[in-house]
C-alpha atoms as a PDB file:
ATOM      1  CA  UNK A   1     -43.934  41.566 -26.703  1.00  0.00           C
ATOM      2  CA  UNK A   2     -41.578  43.528 -23.733  1.00  0.00           C
ATOM      3  CA  UNK A   3     -42.079  40.550 -21.543  1.00  0.00           C
ATOM      4  CA  UNK A   4     -40.691  38.120 -24.113  1.00  0.00           C
ATOM      5  CA  UNK A   5     -37.661  40.070 -24.595  1.00  0.00           C
ATOM      6  CA  UNK A   6     -37.223  40.478 -20.794  1.00  0.00           C
ATOM      7  CA  UNK A   7     -37.299  36.736 -20.509  1.00  0.00           C
ATOM      8  CA  UNK A   8     -35.003  36.289 -23.387  1.00  0.00           C
ATOM      9  CA  UNK A   9     -32.465  38.468 -21.584  1.00  0.00           C
ATOM     10  CA  UNK A  10     -32.730  36.882 -18.507  1.00  0.00           C
ATOM     11  CA  UNK A  11     -31.960  33.282 -20.232  1.00  0.00           C
ATOM     12  CA  UNK A  12     -28.949  34.898 -22.171  1.00  0.00           C
ATOM     13  CA  UNK A  13     -27.568  36.179 -18.808  1.00  0.00           C
ATOM     14  CA  UNK A  14     -28.196  33.127 -17.057  1.00  0.00           C
ATOM     15  CA  UNK A  15     -26.502  30.795 -19.658  1.00  0.00           C
ATOM     16  CA  UNK A  16     -23.660  33.190 -19.763  1.00  0.00           C
ATOM     17  CA  UNK A  17     -23.327  33.289 -15.983  1.00  0.00           C
ATOM     18  CA  UNK A  18     -23.488  29.566 -15.658  1.00  0.00           C
ATOM     19  CA  UNK A  19     -21.132  28.939 -18.802  1.00  0.00           C
ATOM     20  CA  UNK A  20     -18.617  31.549 -17.141  1.00  0.00           C
ATOM     21  CA  UNK A  21     -19.137  29.611 -14.018  1.00  0.00           C
ATOM     22  CA  UNK A  22     -18.375  26.057 -15.508  1.00  0.00           C
ATOM     23  CA  UNK A  23     -15.341  27.448 -17.408  1.00  0.00           C
ATOM     24  CA  UNK A  24     -13.971  28.991 -14.223  1.00  0.00           C
ATOM     25  CA  UNK A  25     -14.411  25.562 -12.363  1.00  0.00           C
ATOM     26  CA  UNK A  26     -12.897  23.413 -15.306  1.00  0.00           C
ATOM     27  CA  UNK A  27      -9.863  25.747 -15.134  1.00  0.00           C
ATOM     28  CA  UNK A  28      -9.611  25.407 -11.316  1.00  0.00           C
ATOM     29  CA  UNK A  29      -9.760  21.650 -11.731  1.00  0.00           C
ATOM     30  CA  UNK A  30      -7.291  21.702 -14.082  1.00  0.00           C
ATOM     31  CA  UNK A  31      -4.950  23.697 -12.147  1.00  0.00           C
ATOM     32  CA  UNK A  32      -5.716  21.521  -8.907  1.00  0.00           C
ATOM     33  CA  UNK A  33      -5.143  18.491 -10.978  1.00  0.00           C
ATOM     34  CA  UNK A  34      -1.635  20.129 -12.014  1.00  0.00           C
ATOM     35  CA  UNK A  35      -0.649  20.946  -8.630  1.00  0.00           C
ATOM     36  CA  UNK A  36      -1.441  17.370  -7.445  1.00  0.00           C
ATOM     37  CA  UNK A  37       0.599  15.837 -10.117  1.00  0.00           C
ATOM     38  CA  UNK A  38       3.478  17.985  -9.046  1.00  0.00           C
ATOM     39  CA  UNK A  39       3.051  17.044  -5.489  1.00  0.00           C
ATOM     40  CA  UNK A  40       3.031  13.539  -6.478  1.00  0.00           C
ATOM     41  CA  UNK A  41       6.014  13.796  -8.189  1.00  0.00           C
ATOM     42  CA  UNK A  42       8.030  15.335  -5.450  1.00  0.00           C
ATOM     43  CA  UNK A  43       6.524  12.758  -2.886  1.00  0.00           C
ATOM     44  CA  UNK A  44       7.516   9.964  -5.423  1.00  0.00           C
ATOM     45  CA  UNK A  45      11.327  11.267  -5.892  1.00  0.00           C
ATOM     46  CA  UNK A  46      11.575  10.730  -1.845  1.00  0.00           C
ATOM     47  CA  UNK A  47      10.446   7.069  -1.855  1.00  0.00           C
ATOM     48  CA  UNK A  48      12.602   4.238  -0.794  1.00  0.00           C
ATOM     49  CA  UNK A  49      12.199   0.416  -1.486  1.00  0.00           C
ATOM     50  CA  UNK A  50      13.255  -1.667   1.670  1.00  0.00           C
ATOM     51  CA  UNK A  51      13.181  -4.676   0.128  1.00  0.00           C
ATOM     52  CA  UNK A  52      10.695  -5.073  -3.058  1.00  0.00           C
ATOM     53  CA  UNK A  53      11.010  -3.014  -6.034  1.00  0.00           C
ATOM     54  CA  UNK A  54       8.204  -3.126  -8.799  1.00  0.00           C
ATOM     55  CA  UNK A  55       7.299   0.176 -10.281  1.00  0.00           C
ATOM     56  CA  UNK A  56       7.375   3.486  -8.739  1.00  0.00           C
ATOM     57  CA  UNK A  57       4.183   2.900  -6.761  1.00  0.00           C
ATOM     58  CA  UNK A  58       5.810   0.336  -4.591  1.00  0.00           C
ATOM     59  CA  UNK A  59       7.912   2.799  -2.676  1.00  0.00           C
ATOM     60  CA  UNK A  60       7.443   4.099   0.803  1.00  0.00           C
ATOM     61  CA  UNK A  61       7.706   7.903   1.756  1.00  0.00           C
ATOM     62  CA  UNK A  62       9.866   7.925   4.988  1.00  0.00           C
ATOM     63  CA  UNK A  63       8.594   9.545   8.054  1.00  0.00           C
ATOM     64  CA  UNK A  64      10.949  10.832  10.700  1.00  0.00           C
ATOM     65  CA  UNK A  65      10.503   9.695  14.234  1.00  0.00           C
ATOM     66  CA  UNK A  66       7.149   7.835  14.253  1.00  0.00           C
ATOM     67  CA  UNK A  67       5.657   7.680  17.705  1.00  0.00           C
ATOM     68  CA  UNK A  68       3.403   4.319  16.962  1.00  0.00           C
ATOM     69  CA  UNK A  69       5.407   1.477  15.970  1.00  0.00           C
ATOM     70  CA  UNK A  70       4.644  -2.052  15.525  1.00  0.00           C
ATOM     71  CA  UNK A  71       5.859  -4.991  17.755  1.00  0.00           C
ATOM     72  CA  UNK A  72       9.346  -6.174  16.070  1.00  0.00           C
ATOM     73  CA  UNK A  73       8.870  -9.670  17.848  1.00  0.00           C
ATOM     74  CA  UNK A  74       5.792 -10.959  16.415  1.00  0.00           C
ATOM     75  CA  UNK A  75       4.994 -12.899  13.185  1.00  0.00           C
ATOM     76  CA  UNK A  76       3.222 -10.643  10.580  1.00  0.00           C
ATOM     77  CA  UNK A  77       1.181 -13.096   8.695  1.00  0.00           C
ATOM     78  CA  UNK A  78      -0.273 -11.606   5.749  1.00  0.00           C
ATOM     79  CA  UNK A  79      -2.874 -13.140   3.314  1.00  0.00           C
ATOM     80  CA  UNK A  80      -3.308 -11.314   0.044  1.00  0.00           C
ATOM     81  CA  UNK A  81      -6.557 -11.655  -1.941  1.00  0.00           C
ATOM     82  CA  UNK A  82      -5.410 -10.515  -5.499  1.00  0.00           C
ATOM     83  CA  UNK A  83      -8.417  -9.766  -7.816  1.00  0.00           C
ATOM     84  CA  UNK A  84      -7.152  -6.578  -9.657  1.00  0.00           C
ATOM     85  CA  UNK A  85      -6.059  -7.035 -12.983  1.00  0.00           C
ATOM     86  CA  UNK A  86      -4.419  -4.157 -15.115  1.00  0.00           C
ATOM     87  CA  UNK A  87      -6.608  -3.318 -18.355  1.00  0.00           C
ATOM     88  CA  UNK A  88      -5.193  -4.804 -21.393  1.00  0.00           C
ATOM     89  CA  UNK A  89      -3.789  -1.552 -22.423  1.00  0.00           C
ATOM     90  CA  UNK A  90      -1.556  -1.720 -19.542  1.00  0.00           C
ATOM     91  CA  UNK A  91      -0.521  -5.225 -20.095  1.00  0.00           C
ATOM     92  CA  UNK A  92       3.263  -4.290 -20.358  1.00  0.00           C
ATOM     93  CA  UNK A  93       3.202  -3.067 -16.855  1.00  0.00           C
ATOM     94  CA  UNK A  94       3.362  -4.578 -13.509  1.00  0.00           C
ATOM     95  CA  UNK A  95       0.045  -5.746 -12.179  1.00  0.00           C
ATOM     96  CA  UNK A  96      -1.133  -2.848  -9.979  1.00  0.00           C
ATOM     97  CA  UNK A  97      -2.137  -5.097  -7.343  1.00  0.00           C
ATOM     98  CA  UNK A  98       1.252  -6.915  -7.216  1.00  0.00           C
ATOM     99  CA  UNK A  99       2.867  -3.211  -6.772  1.00  0.00           C
ATOM    100  CA  UNK A 100       0.379  -2.604  -3.957  1.00  0.00           C
ATOM    101  CA  UNK A 101       1.374  -6.018  -2.246  1.00  0.00           C
ATOM    102  CA  UNK A 102       4.929  -5.146  -2.645  1.00  0.00           C
ATOM    103  CA  UNK A 103       4.512  -1.460  -1.082  1.00  0.00           C
ATOM    104  CA  UNK A 104       2.618  -3.374   2.089  1.00  0.00           C
ATOM    105  CA  UNK A 105       5.566  -5.199   2.712  1.00  0.00           C
ATOM    106  CA  UNK A 106       7.932  -2.440   2.000  1.00  0.00           C
ATOM    107  CA  UNK A 107       5.939  -0.612   4.875  1.00  0.00           C
ATOM    108  CA  UNK A 108       6.448  -3.370   7.278  1.00  0.00           C
ATOM    109  CA  UNK A 109       9.945  -3.439   6.748  1.00  0.00           C
ATOM    110  CA  UNK A 110      10.387   0.177   6.568  1.00  0.00           C
ATOM    111  CA  UNK A 111       8.248   0.292  10.157  1.00  0.00           C
ATOM    112  CA  UNK A 112      11.319  -2.147  11.558  1.00  0.00           C
ATOM    113  CA  UNK A 113       9.685  -5.381  11.233  1.00  0.00           C
ATOM    114  CA  UNK A 114      12.472  -7.710  10.171  1.00  0.00           C
ATOM    115  CA  UNK A 115      11.826  -9.536   6.898  1.00  0.00           C
ATOM    116  CA  UNK A 116      11.911 -13.057   8.614  1.00  0.00           C
ATOM    117  CA  UNK A 117       9.023 -12.014  10.681  1.00  0.00           C
ATOM    118  CA  UNK A 118       6.799 -11.239   7.476  1.00  0.00           C
ATOM    119  CA  UNK A 119       4.960 -14.245   6.418  1.00  0.00           C
ATOM    120  CA  UNK A 120       3.173 -13.568   3.082  1.00  0.00           C
ATOM    121  CA  UNK A 121       0.740 -15.645   1.303  1.00  0.00           C
ATOM    122  CA  UNK A 122      -0.813 -14.432  -2.205  1.00  0.00           C
ATOM    123  CA  UNK A 123      -4.138 -15.770  -3.202  1.00  0.00           C
ATOM    124  CA  UNK A 124      -4.522 -15.013  -6.918  1.00  0.00           C
ATOM    125  CA  UNK A 125      -8.270 -15.326  -8.498  1.00  0.00           C
ATOM    126  CA  UNK A 126     -10.542 -13.824 -11.187  1.00  0.00           C
ATOM    127  CA  UNK A 127      -8.855 -11.779 -13.960  1.00  0.00           C
ATOM    128  CA  UNK A 128      -5.613 -11.648 -11.882  1.00  0.00           C
ATOM    129  CA  UNK A 129      -4.635 -14.802 -12.980  1.00  0.00           C
ATOM    130  CA  UNK A 130      -3.158 -13.010 -15.790  1.00  0.00           C
ATOM    131  CA  UNK A 131      -0.501 -11.728 -13.644  1.00  0.00           C
ATOM    132  CA  UNK A 132       0.903 -15.181 -12.622  1.00  0.00           C
ATOM    133  CA  UNK A 133       1.249 -16.579 -16.228  1.00  0.00           C
ATOM    134  CA  UNK A 134       4.233 -17.876 -17.541  1.00  0.00           C
ATOM    135  CA  UNK A 135       5.847 -15.903 -20.160  1.00  0.00           C
ATOM    136  CA  UNK A 136       4.782 -18.140 -22.890  1.00  0.00           C
ATOM    137  CA  UNK A 137       0.974 -18.109 -21.914  1.00  0.00           C
ATOM    138  CA  UNK A 138       1.445 -14.284 -21.355  1.00  0.00           C
ATOM    139  CA  UNK A 139       3.228 -13.882 -24.394  1.00  0.00           C
ATOM    140  CA  UNK A 140       0.566 -15.554 -26.262  1.00  0.00           C
ATOM    141  CA  UNK A 141      -2.402 -13.663 -25.162  1.00  0.00           C
ATOM    142  CA  UNK A 142      -0.552 -10.378 -24.924  1.00  0.00           C
ATOM    143  CA  UNK A 143       2.332 -10.656 -27.358  1.00  0.00           C
ATOM    144  CA  UNK A 144       4.703  -9.647 -24.756  1.00  0.00           C
ATOM    145  CA  UNK A 145       6.483 -11.074 -22.010  1.00  0.00           C
ATOM    146  CA  UNK A 146       5.144 -11.180 -18.336  1.00  0.00           C
ATOM    147  CA  UNK A 147       6.279  -7.985 -16.825  1.00  0.00           C
ATOM    148  CA  UNK A 148       5.560  -9.325 -13.378  1.00  0.00           C
ATOM    149  CA  UNK A 149       7.967 -12.241 -13.397  1.00  0.00           C
ATOM    150  CA  UNK A 150      10.837 -10.383 -11.511  1.00  0.00           C
ATOM    151  CA  UNK A 151       8.587  -8.969  -8.781  1.00  0.00           C
ATOM    152  CA  UNK A 152       7.082 -12.462  -8.222  1.00  0.00           C
ATOM    153  CA  UNK A 153      10.630 -14.108  -8.074  1.00  0.00           C
ATOM    154  CA  UNK A 154      11.609 -11.433  -5.486  1.00  0.00           C
ATOM    155  CA  UNK A 155       8.449 -12.089  -3.340  1.00  0.00           C
ATOM    156  CA  UNK A 156       9.241 -15.947  -3.426  1.00  0.00           C
ATOM    157  CA  UNK A 157      12.711 -15.320  -2.249  1.00  0.00           C
ATOM    158  CA  UNK A 158      11.281 -13.641   0.616  1.00  0.00           C
ATOM    159  CA  UNK A 159       9.237 -16.621   1.379  1.00  0.00           C
ATOM    160  CA  UNK A 160       5.797 -15.602  -0.239  1.00  0.00           C
ATOM    161  CA  UNK A 161       3.664 -18.217  -1.350  1.00  0.00           C
ATOM    162  CA  UNK A 162       1.257 -18.122  -4.371  1.00  0.00           C
ATOM    163  CA  UNK A 163      -1.957 -19.687  -4.437  1.00  0.00           C
ATOM    164  CA  UNK A 164      -4.171 -19.701  -7.613  1.00  0.00           C
ATOM    165  CA  UNK A 165      -7.924 -20.591  -7.592  1.00  0.00           C
ATOM    166  CA  UNK A 166      -8.865 -23.818  -9.423  1.00  0.00           C
ATOM    167  CA  UNK A 167     -12.338 -22.521 -10.106  1.00  0.00           C
ATOM    168  CA  UNK A 168     -11.284 -19.309 -11.791  1.00  0.00           C
ATOM    169  CA  UNK A 169      -8.746 -20.952 -13.594  1.00  0.00           C
ATOM    170  CA  UNK A 170     -11.464 -23.408 -15.133  1.00  0.00           C
ATOM    171  CA  UNK A 171     -13.351 -20.276 -15.847  1.00  0.00           C
ATOM    172  CA  UNK A 172     -10.638 -18.473 -17.867  1.00  0.00           C
ATOM    173  CA  UNK A 173      -9.505 -21.500 -19.198  1.00  0.00           C
ATOM    174  CA  UNK A 174      -6.044 -21.936 -17.733  1.00  0.00           C
ATOM    175  CA  UNK A 175      -4.262 -24.757 -17.154  1.00  0.00           C
ATOM    176  CA  UNK A 176      -1.571 -25.744 -14.478  1.00  0.00           C
ATOM    177  CA  UNK A 177       1.111 -25.545 -17.015  1.00  0.00           C
ATOM    178  CA  UNK A 178       0.183 -22.146 -18.114  1.00  0.00           C
ATOM    179  CA  UNK A 179       1.130 -20.566 -14.770  1.00  0.00           C
ATOM    180  CA  UNK A 180       4.367 -19.916 -13.179  1.00  0.00           C
ATOM    181  CA  UNK A 181       5.918 -23.341 -11.784  1.00  0.00           C
ATOM    182  CA  UNK A 182       6.034 -21.623  -8.468  1.00  0.00           C
ATOM    183  CA  UNK A 183       2.237 -21.557  -8.156  1.00  0.00           C
ATOM    184  CA  UNK A 184       0.397 -23.858  -5.873  1.00  0.00           C
ATOM    185  CA  UNK A 185      -3.117 -24.691  -7.221  1.00  0.00           C
ATOM    186  CA  UNK A 186      -6.205 -24.709  -4.686  1.00  0.00           C
ATOM    187  CA  UNK A 187      -9.484 -26.176  -5.354  1.00  0.00           C
ATOM    188  CA  UNK A 188     -11.221 -22.892  -4.707  1.00  0.00           C
ATOM    189  CA  UNK A 189     -10.226 -19.582  -3.202  1.00  0.00           C
ATOM    190  CA  UNK A 190     -12.947 -19.594  -0.628  1.00  0.00           C
ATOM    191  CA  UNK A 191     -11.279 -22.549   1.423  1.00  0.00           C
ATOM    192  CA  UNK A 192      -8.061 -20.665   1.111  1.00  0.00           C
ATOM    193  CA  UNK A 193      -9.478 -17.580   2.611  1.00  0.00           C
ATOM    194  CA  UNK A 194     -10.935 -19.343   5.474  1.00  0.00           C
ATOM    195  CA  UNK A 195      -8.285 -21.741   6.604  1.00  0.00           C
ATOM    196  CA  UNK A 196      -5.450 -18.904   6.407  1.00  0.00           C
ATOM    197  CA  UNK A 197      -7.802 -16.473   8.565  1.00  0.00           C
ATOM    198  CA  UNK A 198      -8.242 -19.432  10.900  1.00  0.00           C
ATOM    199  CA  UNK A 199      -4.453 -19.288  11.139  1.00  0.00           C
ATOM    200  CA  UNK A 200      -4.946 -15.804  12.330  1.00  0.00           C
ATOM    201  CA  UNK A 201      -3.517 -14.523   8.924  1.00  0.00           C
ATOM    202  CA  UNK A 202      -4.454 -10.745   8.189  1.00  0.00           C
ATOM    203  CA  UNK A 203      -6.514 -10.285   5.113  1.00  0.00           C
ATOM    204  CA  UNK A 204      -5.856  -7.681   2.669  1.00  0.00           C
ATOM    205  CA  UNK A 205      -8.416  -7.063  -0.274  1.00  0.00           C
ATOM    206  CA  UNK A 206      -6.405  -6.172  -3.324  1.00  0.00           C
ATOM    207  CA  UNK A 207      -9.412  -5.727  -5.789  1.00  0.00           C
ATOM    208  CA  UNK A 208      -9.151  -2.287  -6.198  1.00  0.00           C
ATOM    209  CA  UNK A 209      -6.050   0.241  -6.357  1.00  0.00           C
ATOM    210  CA  UNK A 210      -6.456   3.397  -4.574  1.00  0.00           C
END
């Protein structure tokens, strides 16, 4: 009987100890989240948008006197493979992948590269096709206008080329007339990837937002 009481007390003590540890850990995690959030807000307040403005996530934090700088005299041929798509709950927000593309272009400009030296190609396939729908098609699907149109237009004004994968369009049952008029249609994303990389374009995988 005494042995059972001792074991019960040990069990109660262990439970209370680990419960207290869990509460303390949760409290510390919550505090860290608050601190990280405040730090992020301070950083975002410093951001600049050298050439493109999407949401607050497309900006650049200035760095004073960087020692490693890119060559301003060469062409920067950038190939973006965009497959990331916002969840339906964020359909009214700018596509996070397009925001990241804008940020990358802004980073190049902020580094001193002339805009005319930046040659972007944006290959869109998978669920990301949503982002390049015209207003009518986007409205039909999400009951709101496409929030990406202005950013896409600004990118096009910089010389960006938009290409949609025909295979993905067939899979998602999209037609050419569902897309924005500036979108070029390819048979497949695979040949766009190989063709442009053979032309020395640098590939950026925009499938996950980090």
